[in-house]
């Protein structure tokens, strides 16, 4: 992502760690997977947004997770990208969010 001038500041292996990393780094944007151990993407999204209502979260999901995508959008996620995805789709989703900063 650095060739597009975006920097990854943290990665998490589960939802609980994603919440911790968010609080530690306060990134401009989070790309959140739905299916994760310990705490899923919906729970992590809700936890982040409970303390940081302005957080920008994009859902990353596999095909066939439409109901969970909708639940995450209802919880406050701002967009979604479906796996497998192309780099251009990620960049498009990022640029859409940064236009509103």
PDB file of N, CA and C in Angstrom:
ATOM      1  N   UNK A   1       0.826  -1.202   0.000  1.00  0.00           N
ATOM      2  CA  UNK A   1       0.000   0.000   0.000  1.00  0.00           C
ATOM      3  C   UNK A   1       0.865   1.259   0.000  1.00  0.00           C
ATOM      4  N   UNK A   2       2.148   1.120   0.295  1.00  0.00           N
ATOM      5  CA  UNK A   2       2.995   2.309   0.352  1.00  0.00           C
ATOM      6  C   UNK A   2       3.141   2.983  -1.005  1.00  0.00           C
ATOM      7  N   UNK A   3       3.008   2.236  -2.095  1.00  0.00           N
ATOM      8  CA  UNK A   3       3.108   2.890  -3.402  1.00  0.00           C
ATOM      9  C   UNK A   3       1.933   3.834  -3.640  1.00  0.00           C
ATOM     10  N   UNK A   4       0.880   3.690  -2.868  1.00  0.00           N
ATOM     11  CA  UNK A   4      -0.274   4.588  -2.949  1.00  0.00           C
ATOM     12  C   UNK A   4      -0.270   5.592  -1.803  1.00  0.00           C
ATOM     13  N   UNK A   5       0.835   5.675  -1.086  1.00  0.00           N
ATOM     14  CA  UNK A   5       1.029   6.609   0.023  1.00  0.00           C
ATOM     15  C   UNK A   5       0.166   6.306   1.246  1.00  0.00           C
ATOM     16  N   UNK A   6      -0.194   5.054   1.418  1.00  0.00           N
ATOM     17  CA  UNK A   6      -0.880   4.615   2.627  1.00  0.00           C
ATOM     18  C   UNK A   6       0.105   3.785   3.427  1.00  0.00           C
ATOM     19  N   UNK A   7       0.006   3.857   4.732  1.00  0.00           N
ATOM     20  CA  UNK A   7       0.929   3.120   5.585  1.00  0.00           C
ATOM     21  C   UNK A   7       0.150   2.217   6.533  1.00  0.00           C
ATOM     22  N   UNK A   8       0.532   0.961   6.596  1.00  0.00           N
ATOM     23  CA  UNK A   8      -0.046   0.032   7.559  1.00  0.00           C
ATOM     24  C   UNK A   8       0.675   0.262   8.880  1.00  0.00           C
ATOM     25  N   UNK A   9      -0.079   0.615   9.926  1.00  0.00           N
ATOM     26  CA  UNK A   9       0.552   0.886  11.219  1.00  0.00           C
ATOM     27  C   UNK A   9       0.445  -0.287  12.180  1.00  0.00           C
ATOM     28  N   UNK A  10      -0.481  -1.217  11.915  1.00  0.00           N
ATOM     29  CA  UNK A  10      -0.635  -2.370  12.808  1.00  0.00           C
ATOM     30  C   UNK A  10      -1.444  -3.451  12.105  1.00  0.00           C
ATOM     31  N   UNK A  11      -1.265  -4.671  12.579  1.00  0.00           N
ATOM     32  CA  UNK A  11      -2.063  -5.809  12.130  1.00  0.00           C
ATOM     33  C   UNK A  11      -2.481  -6.584  13.363  1.00  0.00           C
ATOM     34  N   UNK A  12      -3.608  -7.267  13.267  1.00  0.00           N
ATOM     35  CA  UNK A  12      -4.109  -8.047  14.395  1.00  0.00           C
ATOM     36  C   UNK A  12      -4.502  -9.439  13.918  1.00  0.00           C
ATOM     37  N   UNK A  13      -4.288 -10.429  14.768  1.00  0.00           N
ATOM     38  CA  UNK A  13      -4.636 -11.808  14.410  1.00  0.00           C
ATOM     39  C   UNK A  13      -6.030 -12.200  14.883  1.00  0.00           C
ATOM     40  N   UNK A  14      -6.642 -11.357  15.721  1.00  0.00           N
ATOM     41  CA  UNK A  14      -8.006 -11.622  16.176  1.00  0.00           C
ATOM     42  C   UNK A  14      -8.685 -10.300  16.519  1.00  0.00           C
ATOM     43  N   UNK A  15      -9.975 -10.358  16.752  1.00  0.00           N
ATOM     44  CA  UNK A  15     -10.738  -9.148  17.015  1.00  0.00           C
ATOM     45  C   UNK A  15     -10.340  -8.430  18.285  1.00  0.00           C
ATOM     46  N   UNK A  16     -10.024  -9.180  19.310  1.00  0.00           N
ATOM     47  CA  UNK A  16      -9.609  -8.566  20.574  1.00  0.00           C
ATOM     48  C   UNK A  16      -8.329  -7.756  20.375  1.00  0.00           C
ATOM     49  N   UNK A  17      -7.393  -8.331  19.643  1.00  0.00           N
ATOM     50  CA  UNK A  17      -6.150  -7.619  19.358  1.00  0.00           C
ATOM     51  C   UNK A  17      -6.405  -6.405  18.461  1.00  0.00           C
ATOM     52  N   UNK A  18      -7.375  -6.504  17.556  1.00  0.00           N
ATOM     53  CA  UNK A  18      -7.719  -5.371  16.693  1.00  0.00           C
ATOM     54  C   UNK A  18      -8.196  -4.185  17.530  1.00  0.00           C
ATOM     55  N   UNK A  19      -9.020  -4.453  18.531  1.00  0.00           N
ATOM     56  CA  UNK A  19      -9.502  -3.388  19.417  1.00  0.00           C
ATOM     57  C   UNK A  19      -8.325  -2.771  20.168  1.00  0.00           C
ATOM     58  N   UNK A  20      -7.447  -3.609  20.695  1.00  0.00           N
ATOM     59  CA  UNK A  20      -6.261  -3.129  21.415  1.00  0.00           C
ATOM     60  C   UNK A  20      -5.380  -2.277  20.497  1.00  0.00           C
ATOM     61  N   UNK A  21      -5.114  -2.780  19.290  1.00  0.00           N
ATOM     62  CA  UNK A  21      -4.257  -2.051  18.347  1.00  0.00           C
ATOM     63  C   UNK A  21      -4.898  -0.714  17.958  1.00  0.00           C
ATOM     64  N   UNK A  22      -6.219  -0.697  17.826  1.00  0.00           N
ATOM     65  CA  UNK A  22      -6.888   0.564  17.495  1.00  0.00           C
ATOM     66  C   UNK A  22      -6.658   1.590  18.602  1.00  0.00           C
ATOM     67  N   UNK A  23      -6.852   1.168  19.835  1.00  0.00           N
ATOM     68  CA  UNK A  23      -6.672   2.092  20.956  1.00  0.00           C
ATOM     69  C   UNK A  23      -5.222   2.559  21.070  1.00  0.00           C
ATOM     70  N   UNK A  24      -4.294   1.698  20.733  1.00  0.00           N
ATOM     71  CA  UNK A  24      -2.874   2.029  20.820  1.00  0.00           C
ATOM     72  C   UNK A  24      -2.448   3.012  19.731  1.00  0.00           C
ATOM     73  N   UNK A  25      -2.884   2.781  18.497  1.00  0.00           N
ATOM     74  CA  UNK A  25      -2.399   3.564  17.358  1.00  0.00           C
ATOM     75  C   UNK A  25      -3.375   4.610  16.822  1.00  0.00           C
ATOM     76  N   UNK A  26      -4.664   4.469  17.110  1.00  0.00           N
ATOM     77  CA  UNK A  26      -5.695   5.374  16.583  1.00  0.00           C
ATOM     78  C   UNK A  26      -5.494   5.637  15.085  1.00  0.00           C
ATOM     79  N   UNK A  27      -5.522   4.587  14.271  1.00  0.00           N
ATOM     80  CA  UNK A  27      -5.290   4.775  12.833  1.00  0.00           C
ATOM     81  C   UNK A  27      -6.415   5.574  12.179  1.00  0.00           C
ATOM     82  N   UNK A  28      -6.110   6.144  11.031  1.00  0.00           N
ATOM     83  CA  UNK A  28      -7.118   6.896  10.285  1.00  0.00           C
ATOM     84  C   UNK A  28      -8.219   5.991   9.758  1.00  0.00           C
ATOM     85  N   UNK A  29      -7.881   4.709   9.544  1.00  0.00           N
ATOM     86  CA  UNK A  29      -8.843   3.783   8.967  1.00  0.00           C
ATOM     87  C   UNK A  29      -8.475   2.356   9.341  1.00  0.00           C
ATOM     88  N   UNK A  30      -9.493   1.509   9.497  1.00  0.00           N
ATOM     89  CA  UNK A  30      -9.297   0.088   9.813  1.00  0.00           C
ATOM     90  C   UNK A  30      -9.937  -0.745   8.707  1.00  0.00           C
ATOM     91  N   UNK A  31      -9.213  -1.750   8.232  1.00  0.00           N
ATOM     92  CA  UNK A  31      -9.810  -2.766   7.366  1.00  0.00           C
ATOM     93  C   UNK A  31     -10.011  -3.985   8.256  1.00  0.00           C
ATOM     94  N   UNK A  32     -11.271  -4.324   8.517  1.00  0.00           N
ATOM     95  CA  UNK A  32     -11.633  -5.343   9.502  1.00  0.00           C
ATOM     96  C   UNK A  32     -12.194  -6.589   8.830  1.00  0.00           C
ATOM     97  N   UNK A  33     -11.557  -7.719   9.072  1.00  0.00           N
ATOM     98  CA  UNK A  33     -12.088  -8.990   8.576  1.00  0.00           C
ATOM     99  C   UNK A  33     -13.293  -9.368   9.431  1.00  0.00           C
ATOM    100  N   UNK A  34     -14.212 -10.116   8.866  1.00  0.00           N
ATOM    101  CA  UNK A  34     -15.383 -10.565   9.618  1.00  0.00           C
ATOM    102  C   UNK A  34     -15.043 -11.774  10.474  1.00  0.00           C
ATOM    103  N   UNK A  35     -14.412 -12.760   9.873  1.00  0.00           N
ATOM    104  CA  UNK A  35     -14.167 -14.029  10.546  1.00  0.00           C
ATOM    105  C   UNK A  35     -12.794 -14.026  11.194  1.00  0.00           C
ATOM    106  N   UNK A  36     -12.786 -13.928  12.518  1.00  0.00           N
ATOM    107  CA  UNK A  36     -11.547 -13.940  13.303  1.00  0.00           C
ATOM    108  C   UNK A  36     -11.794 -14.706  14.592  1.00  0.00           C
ATOM    109  N   UNK A  37     -10.744 -15.293  15.156  1.00  0.00           N
ATOM    110  CA  UNK A  37     -10.902 -15.978  16.442  1.00  0.00           C
ATOM    111  C   UNK A  37     -11.026 -14.978  17.596  1.00  0.00           C
ATOM    112  N   UNK A  38     -11.380 -15.484  18.742  1.00  0.00           N
ATOM    113  CA  UNK A  38     -11.498 -14.755  20.017  1.00  0.00           C
ATOM    114  C   UNK A  38     -12.672 -13.781  19.995  1.00  0.00           C
ATOM    115  N   UNK A  39     -12.668 -12.833  19.067  1.00  0.00           N
ATOM    116  CA  UNK A  39     -13.734 -11.839  18.923  1.00  0.00           C
ATOM    117  C   UNK A  39     -13.890 -11.612  17.421  1.00  0.00           C
ATOM    118  N   UNK A  40     -15.102 -11.767  16.892  1.00  0.00           N
ATOM    119  CA  UNK A  40     -15.267 -11.610  15.446  1.00  0.00           C
ATOM    120  C   UNK A  40     -15.261 -10.137  15.041  1.00  0.00           C
ATOM    121  N   UNK A  41     -15.313  -9.903  13.744  1.00  0.00           N
ATOM    122  CA  UNK A  41     -15.238  -8.543  13.227  1.00  0.00           C
ATOM    123  C   UNK A  41     -16.378  -7.652  13.675  1.00  0.00           C
ATOM    124  N   UNK A  42     -17.575  -8.206  13.809  1.00  0.00           N
ATOM    125  CA  UNK A  42     -18.711  -7.414  14.276  1.00  0.00           C
ATOM    126  C   UNK A  42     -18.486  -6.948  15.704  1.00  0.00           C
ATOM    127  N   UNK A  43     -18.095  -7.857  16.576  1.00  0.00           N
ATOM    128  CA  UNK A  43     -17.844  -7.487  17.977  1.00  0.00           C
ATOM    129  C   UNK A  43     -16.711  -6.469  18.085  1.00  0.00           C
ATOM    130  N   UNK A  44     -15.661  -6.660  17.307  1.00  0.00           N
ATOM    131  CA  UNK A  44     -14.529  -5.733  17.338  1.00  0.00           C
ATOM    132  C   UNK A  44     -14.943  -4.356  16.815  1.00  0.00           C
ATOM    133  N   UNK A  45     -15.738  -4.341  15.752  1.00  0.00           N
ATOM    134  CA  UNK A  45     -16.227  -3.075  15.203  1.00  0.00           C
ATOM    135  C   UNK A  45     -17.069  -2.341  16.235  1.00  0.00           C
ATOM    136  N   UNK A  46     -17.976  -3.060  16.875  1.00  0.00           N
ATOM    137  CA  UNK A  46     -18.822  -2.439  17.907  1.00  0.00           C
ATOM    138  C   UNK A  46     -17.985  -1.911  19.062  1.00  0.00           C
ATOM    139  N   UNK A  47     -16.965  -2.661  19.478  1.00  0.00           N
ATOM    140  CA  UNK A  47     -16.106  -2.234  20.590  1.00  0.00           C
ATOM    141  C   UNK A  47     -15.316  -0.979  20.223  1.00  0.00           C
ATOM    142  N   UNK A  48     -14.777  -0.953  19.024  1.00  0.00           N
ATOM    143  CA  UNK A  48     -14.013   0.225  18.590  1.00  0.00           C
ATOM    144  C   UNK A  48     -14.923   1.444  18.513  1.00  0.00           C
ATOM    145  N   UNK A  49     -16.087   1.283  17.894  1.00  0.00           N
ATOM    146  CA  UNK A  49     -16.994   2.414  17.711  1.00  0.00           C
ATOM    147  C   UNK A  49     -17.632   2.882  19.014  1.00  0.00           C
ATOM    148  N   UNK A  50     -17.739   2.009  20.003  1.00  0.00           N
ATOM    149  CA  UNK A  50     -18.299   2.411  21.300  1.00  0.00           C
ATOM    150  C   UNK A  50     -17.439   3.491  21.947  1.00  0.00           C
ATOM    151  N   UNK A  51     -16.131   3.381  21.811  1.00  0.00           N
ATOM    152  CA  UNK A  51     -15.211   4.356  22.406  1.00  0.00           C
ATOM    153  C   UNK A  51     -14.722   5.399  21.415  1.00  0.00           C
ATOM    154  N   UNK A  52     -14.919   5.135  20.130  1.00  0.00           N
ATOM    155  CA  UNK A  52     -14.407   6.015  19.078  1.00  0.00           C
ATOM    156  C   UNK A  52     -15.450   6.122  17.969  1.00  0.00           C
ATOM    157  N   UNK A  53     -16.533   6.870  18.205  1.00  0.00           N
ATOM    158  CA  UNK A  53     -17.632   6.899  17.243  1.00  0.00           C
ATOM    159  C   UNK A  53     -17.244   7.402  15.853  1.00  0.00           C
ATOM    160  N   UNK A  54     -16.156   8.105  15.738  1.00  0.00           N
ATOM    161  CA  UNK A  54     -15.717   8.604  14.433  1.00  0.00           C
ATOM    162  C   UNK A  54     -14.787   7.665  13.693  1.00  0.00           C
ATOM    163  N   UNK A  55     -14.517   6.498  14.260  1.00  0.00           N
ATOM    164  CA  UNK A  55     -13.590   5.551  13.629  1.00  0.00           C
ATOM    165  C   UNK A  55     -14.105   5.140  12.255  1.00  0.00           C
ATOM    166  N   UNK A  56     -13.182   5.043  11.309  1.00  0.00           N
ATOM    167  CA  UNK A  56     -13.533   4.621   9.949  1.00  0.00           C
ATOM    168  C   UNK A  56     -13.135   3.166   9.795  1.00  0.00           C
ATOM    169  N   UNK A  57     -14.129   2.319   9.564  1.00  0.00           N
ATOM    170  CA  UNK A  57     -13.892   0.880   9.444  1.00  0.00           C
ATOM    171  C   UNK A  57     -14.472   0.391   8.129  1.00  0.00           C
ATOM    172  N   UNK A  58     -13.654  -0.348   7.397  1.00  0.00           N
ATOM    173  CA  UNK A  58     -14.081  -1.002   6.160  1.00  0.00           C
ATOM    174  C   UNK A  58     -14.090  -2.498   6.426  1.00  0.00           C
ATOM    175  N   UNK A  59     -15.176  -3.154   6.072  1.00  0.00           N
ATOM    176  CA  UNK A  59     -15.332  -4.593   6.263  1.00  0.00           C
ATOM    177  C   UNK A  59     -14.642  -5.334   5.125  1.00  0.00           C
ATOM    178  N   UNK A  60     -13.928  -6.377   5.483  1.00  0.00           N
ATOM    179  CA  UNK A  60     -13.282  -7.261   4.513  1.00  0.00           C
ATOM    180  C   UNK A  60     -13.926  -8.630   4.695  1.00  0.00           C
ATOM    181  N   UNK A  61     -14.563  -9.150   3.635  1.00  0.00           N
ATOM    182  CA  UNK A  61     -15.302 -10.396   3.812  1.00  0.00           C
ATOM    183  C   UNK A  61     -15.164 -11.326   2.619  1.00  0.00           C
ATOM    184  N   UNK A  62     -15.530 -12.556   2.853  1.00  0.00           N
ATOM    185  CA  UNK A  62     -15.588 -13.540   1.774  1.00  0.00           C
ATOM    186  C   UNK A  62     -16.969 -13.493   1.136  1.00  0.00           C
ATOM    187  N   UNK A  63     -17.048 -13.951  -0.083  1.00  0.00           N
ATOM    188  CA  UNK A  63     -18.346 -14.046  -0.745  1.00  0.00           C
ATOM    189  C   UNK A  63     -19.236 -14.965   0.091  1.00  0.00           C
ATOM    190  N   UNK A  64     -20.500 -14.605   0.238  1.00  0.00           N
ATOM    191  CA  UNK A  64     -21.426 -15.433   0.990  1.00  0.00           C
ATOM    192  C   UNK A  64     -21.637 -14.961   2.418  1.00  0.00           C
ATOM    193  N   UNK A  65     -21.050 -13.846   2.799  1.00  0.00           N
ATOM    194  CA  UNK A  65     -21.221 -13.324   4.156  1.00  0.00           C
ATOM    195  C   UNK A  65     -22.084 -12.063   4.154  1.00  0.00           C
ATOM    196  N   UNK A  66     -23.029 -12.015   3.243  1.00  0.00           N
ATOM    197  CA  UNK A  66     -23.851 -10.820   3.055  1.00  0.00           C
ATOM    198  C   UNK A  66     -24.551 -10.370   4.340  1.00  0.00           C
ATOM    199  N   UNK A  67     -25.151 -11.289   5.085  1.00  0.00           N
ATOM    200  CA  UNK A  67     -25.860 -10.910   6.312  1.00  0.00           C
ATOM    201  C   UNK A  67     -24.921 -10.269   7.321  1.00  0.00           C
ATOM    202  N   UNK A  68     -23.731 -10.830   7.472  1.00  0.00           N
ATOM    203  CA  UNK A  68     -22.775 -10.262   8.423  1.00  0.00           C
ATOM    204  C   UNK A  68     -22.261  -8.905   7.936  1.00  0.00           C
ATOM    205  N   UNK A  69     -22.064  -8.767   6.644  1.00  0.00           N
ATOM    206  CA  UNK A  69     -21.657  -7.461   6.101  1.00  0.00           C
ATOM    207  C   UNK A  69     -22.712  -6.420   6.456  1.00  0.00           C
ATOM    208  N   UNK A  70     -23.973  -6.745   6.242  1.00  0.00           N
ATOM    209  CA  UNK A  70     -25.055  -5.803   6.546  1.00  0.00           C
ATOM    210  C   UNK A  70     -25.097  -5.467   8.033  1.00  0.00           C
ATOM    211  N   UNK A  71     -24.877  -6.463   8.887  1.00  0.00           N
ATOM    212  CA  UNK A  71     -24.861  -6.204  10.336  1.00  0.00           C
ATOM    213  C   UNK A  71     -23.717  -5.264  10.703  1.00  0.00           C
ATOM    214  N   UNK A  72     -22.566  -5.434  10.063  1.00  0.00           N
ATOM    215  CA  UNK A  72     -21.428  -4.561  10.363  1.00  0.00           C
ATOM    216  C   UNK A  72     -21.659  -3.145   9.841  1.00  0.00           C
ATOM    217  N   UNK A  73     -22.290  -3.021   8.682  1.00  0.00           N
ATOM    218  CA  UNK A  73     -22.637  -1.692   8.162  1.00  0.00           C
ATOM    219  C   UNK A  73     -23.630  -1.018   9.115  1.00  0.00           C
ATOM    220  N   UNK A  74     -24.618  -1.770   9.586  1.00  0.00           N
ATOM    221  CA  UNK A  74     -25.588  -1.229  10.545  1.00  0.00           C
ATOM    222  C   UNK A  74     -24.906  -0.821  11.850  1.00  0.00           C
ATOM    223  N   UNK A  75     -23.843  -1.527  12.229  1.00  0.00           N
ATOM    224  CA  UNK A  75     -23.107  -1.207  13.459  1.00  0.00           C
ATOM    225  C   UNK A  75     -22.221   0.022  13.287  1.00  0.00           C
ATOM    226  N   UNK A  76     -21.972   0.422  12.031  1.00  0.00           N
ATOM    227  CA  UNK A  76     -21.186   1.632  11.816  1.00  0.00           C
ATOM    228  C   UNK A  76     -20.019   1.513  10.856  1.00  0.00           C
ATOM    229  N   UNK A  77     -19.768   0.318  10.325  1.00  0.00           N
ATOM    230  CA  UNK A  77     -18.720   0.194   9.309  1.00  0.00           C
ATOM    231  C   UNK A  77     -19.142   1.028   8.098  1.00  0.00           C
ATOM    232  N   UNK A  78     -18.185   1.603   7.409  1.00  0.00           N
ATOM    233  CA  UNK A  78     -18.500   2.566   6.355  1.00  0.00           C
ATOM    234  C   UNK A  78     -18.521   2.009   4.942  1.00  0.00           C
ATOM    235  N   UNK A  79     -17.904   0.857   4.733  1.00  0.00           N
ATOM    236  CA  UNK A  79     -17.835   0.287   3.387  1.00  0.00           C
ATOM    237  C   UNK A  79     -17.427  -1.170   3.526  1.00  0.00           C
ATOM    238  N   UNK A  80     -17.385  -1.881   2.408  1.00  0.00           N
ATOM    239  CA  UNK A  80     -16.921  -3.265   2.450  1.00  0.00           C
ATOM    240  C   UNK A  80     -16.189  -3.607   1.164  1.00  0.00           C
ATOM    241  N   UNK A  81     -15.270  -4.543   1.283  1.00  0.00           N
ATOM    242  CA  UNK A  81     -14.595  -5.121   0.128  1.00  0.00           C
ATOM    243  C   UNK A  81     -14.696  -6.632   0.268  1.00  0.00           C
ATOM    244  N   UNK A  82     -14.899  -7.301  -0.861  1.00  0.00           N
ATOM    245  CA  UNK A  82     -15.115  -8.748  -0.853  1.00  0.00           C
ATOM    246  C   UNK A  82     -13.855  -9.459  -1.324  1.00  0.00           C
ATOM    247  N   UNK A  83     -13.467 -10.511  -0.576  1.00  0.00           N
ATOM    248  CA  UNK A  83     -12.318 -11.339  -0.949  1.00  0.00           C
ATOM    249  C   UNK A  83     -12.731 -12.343  -2.015  1.00  0.00           C
ATOM    250  N   UNK A  84     -11.872 -12.759  -2.872  1.00  0.00           N
ATOM    251  CA  UNK A  84     -10.543 -12.178  -3.080  1.00  0.00           C
ATOM    252  C   UNK A  84     -10.692 -10.814  -3.749  1.00  0.00           C
ATOM    253  N   UNK A  85      -9.844  -9.884  -3.387  1.00  0.00           N
ATOM    254  CA  UNK A  85      -9.986  -8.532  -3.920  1.00  0.00           C
ATOM    255  C   UNK A  85      -8.719  -8.084  -4.636  1.00  0.00           C
ATOM    256  N   UNK A  86      -8.929  -7.133  -5.500  1.00  0.00           N
ATOM    257  CA  UNK A  86      -7.832  -6.529  -6.241  1.00  0.00           C
ATOM    258  C   UNK A  86      -7.350  -5.294  -5.489  1.00  0.00           C
ATOM    259  N   UNK A  87      -6.083  -4.998  -5.629  1.00  0.00           N
ATOM    260  CA  UNK A  87      -5.515  -3.826  -4.959  1.00  0.00           C
ATOM    261  C   UNK A  87      -6.274  -2.554  -5.338  1.00  0.00           C
ATOM    262  N   UNK A  88      -6.701  -2.451  -6.590  1.00  0.00           N
ATOM    263  CA  UNK A  88      -7.431  -1.258  -7.023  1.00  0.00           C
ATOM    264  C   UNK A  88      -8.715  -1.059  -6.231  1.00  0.00           C
ATOM    265  N   UNK A  89      -9.396  -2.150  -5.881  1.00  0.00           N
ATOM    266  CA  UNK A  89     -10.642  -2.045  -5.099  1.00  0.00           C
ATOM    267  C   UNK A  89     -10.345  -1.555  -3.690  1.00  0.00           C
ATOM    268  N   UNK A  90      -9.239  -2.005  -3.119  1.00  0.00           N
ATOM    269  CA  UNK A  90      -8.851  -1.536  -1.787  1.00  0.00           C
ATOM    270  C   UNK A  90      -8.544  -0.045  -1.841  1.00  0.00           C
ATOM    271  N   UNK A  91      -7.751   0.354  -2.812  1.00  0.00           N
ATOM    272  CA  UNK A  91      -7.379   1.764  -2.949  1.00  0.00           C
ATOM    273  C   UNK A  91      -8.619   2.624  -3.150  1.00  0.00           C
ATOM    274  N   UNK A  92      -9.560   2.162  -3.961  1.00  0.00           N
ATOM    275  CA  UNK A  92     -10.800   2.894  -4.192  1.00  0.00           C
ATOM    276  C   UNK A  92     -11.574   3.086  -2.879  1.00  0.00           C
ATOM    277  N   UNK A  93     -11.670   2.028  -2.075  1.00  0.00           N
ATOM    278  CA  UNK A  93     -12.380   2.114  -0.793  1.00  0.00           C
ATOM    279  C   UNK A  93     -11.671   3.075   0.156  1.00  0.00           C
ATOM    280  N   UNK A  94     -10.344   3.029   0.181  1.00  0.00           N
ATOM    281  CA  UNK A  94      -9.578   3.941   1.036  1.00  0.00           C
ATOM    282  C   UNK A  94      -9.785   5.388   0.604  1.00  0.00           C
ATOM    283  N   UNK A  95      -9.652   5.644  -0.674  1.00  0.00           N
ATOM    284  CA  UNK A  95      -9.800   7.015  -1.171  1.00  0.00           C
ATOM    285  C   UNK A  95     -11.186   7.566  -0.897  1.00  0.00           C
ATOM    286  N   UNK A  96     -12.185   6.727  -1.003  1.00  0.00           N
ATOM    287  CA  UNK A  96     -13.562   7.147  -0.706  1.00  0.00           C
ATOM    288  C   UNK A  96     -13.663   7.626   0.742  1.00  0.00           C
ATOM    289  N   UNK A  97     -13.035   6.916   1.660  1.00  0.00           N
ATOM    290  CA  UNK A  97     -13.097   7.292   3.072  1.00  0.00           C
ATOM    291  C   UNK A  97     -12.273   8.539   3.368  1.00  0.00           C
ATOM    292  N   UNK A  98     -11.123   8.671   2.735  1.00  0.00           N
ATOM    293  CA  UNK A  98     -10.261   9.817   3.012  1.00  0.00           C
ATOM    294  C   UNK A  98     -10.776  11.099   2.380  1.00  0.00           C
ATOM    295  N   UNK A  99     -11.672  11.006   1.422  1.00  0.00           N
ATOM    296  CA  UNK A  99     -12.291  12.200   0.856  1.00  0.00           C
ATOM    297  C   UNK A  99     -13.160  12.897   1.892  1.00  0.00           C
ATOM    298  N   UNK A 100     -13.632  12.139   2.883  1.00  0.00           N
ATOM    299  CA  UNK A 100     -14.533  12.714   3.892  1.00  0.00           C
ATOM    300  C   UNK A 100     -13.804  13.184   5.142  1.00  0.00           C
ATOM    301  N   UNK A 101     -12.450  13.125   5.142  1.00  0.00           N
ATOM    302  CA  UNK A 101     -11.698  13.594   6.329  1.00  0.00           C
ATOM    303  C   UNK A 101     -11.629  15.103   6.314  1.00  0.00           C
TER     304      UNK A 101
END
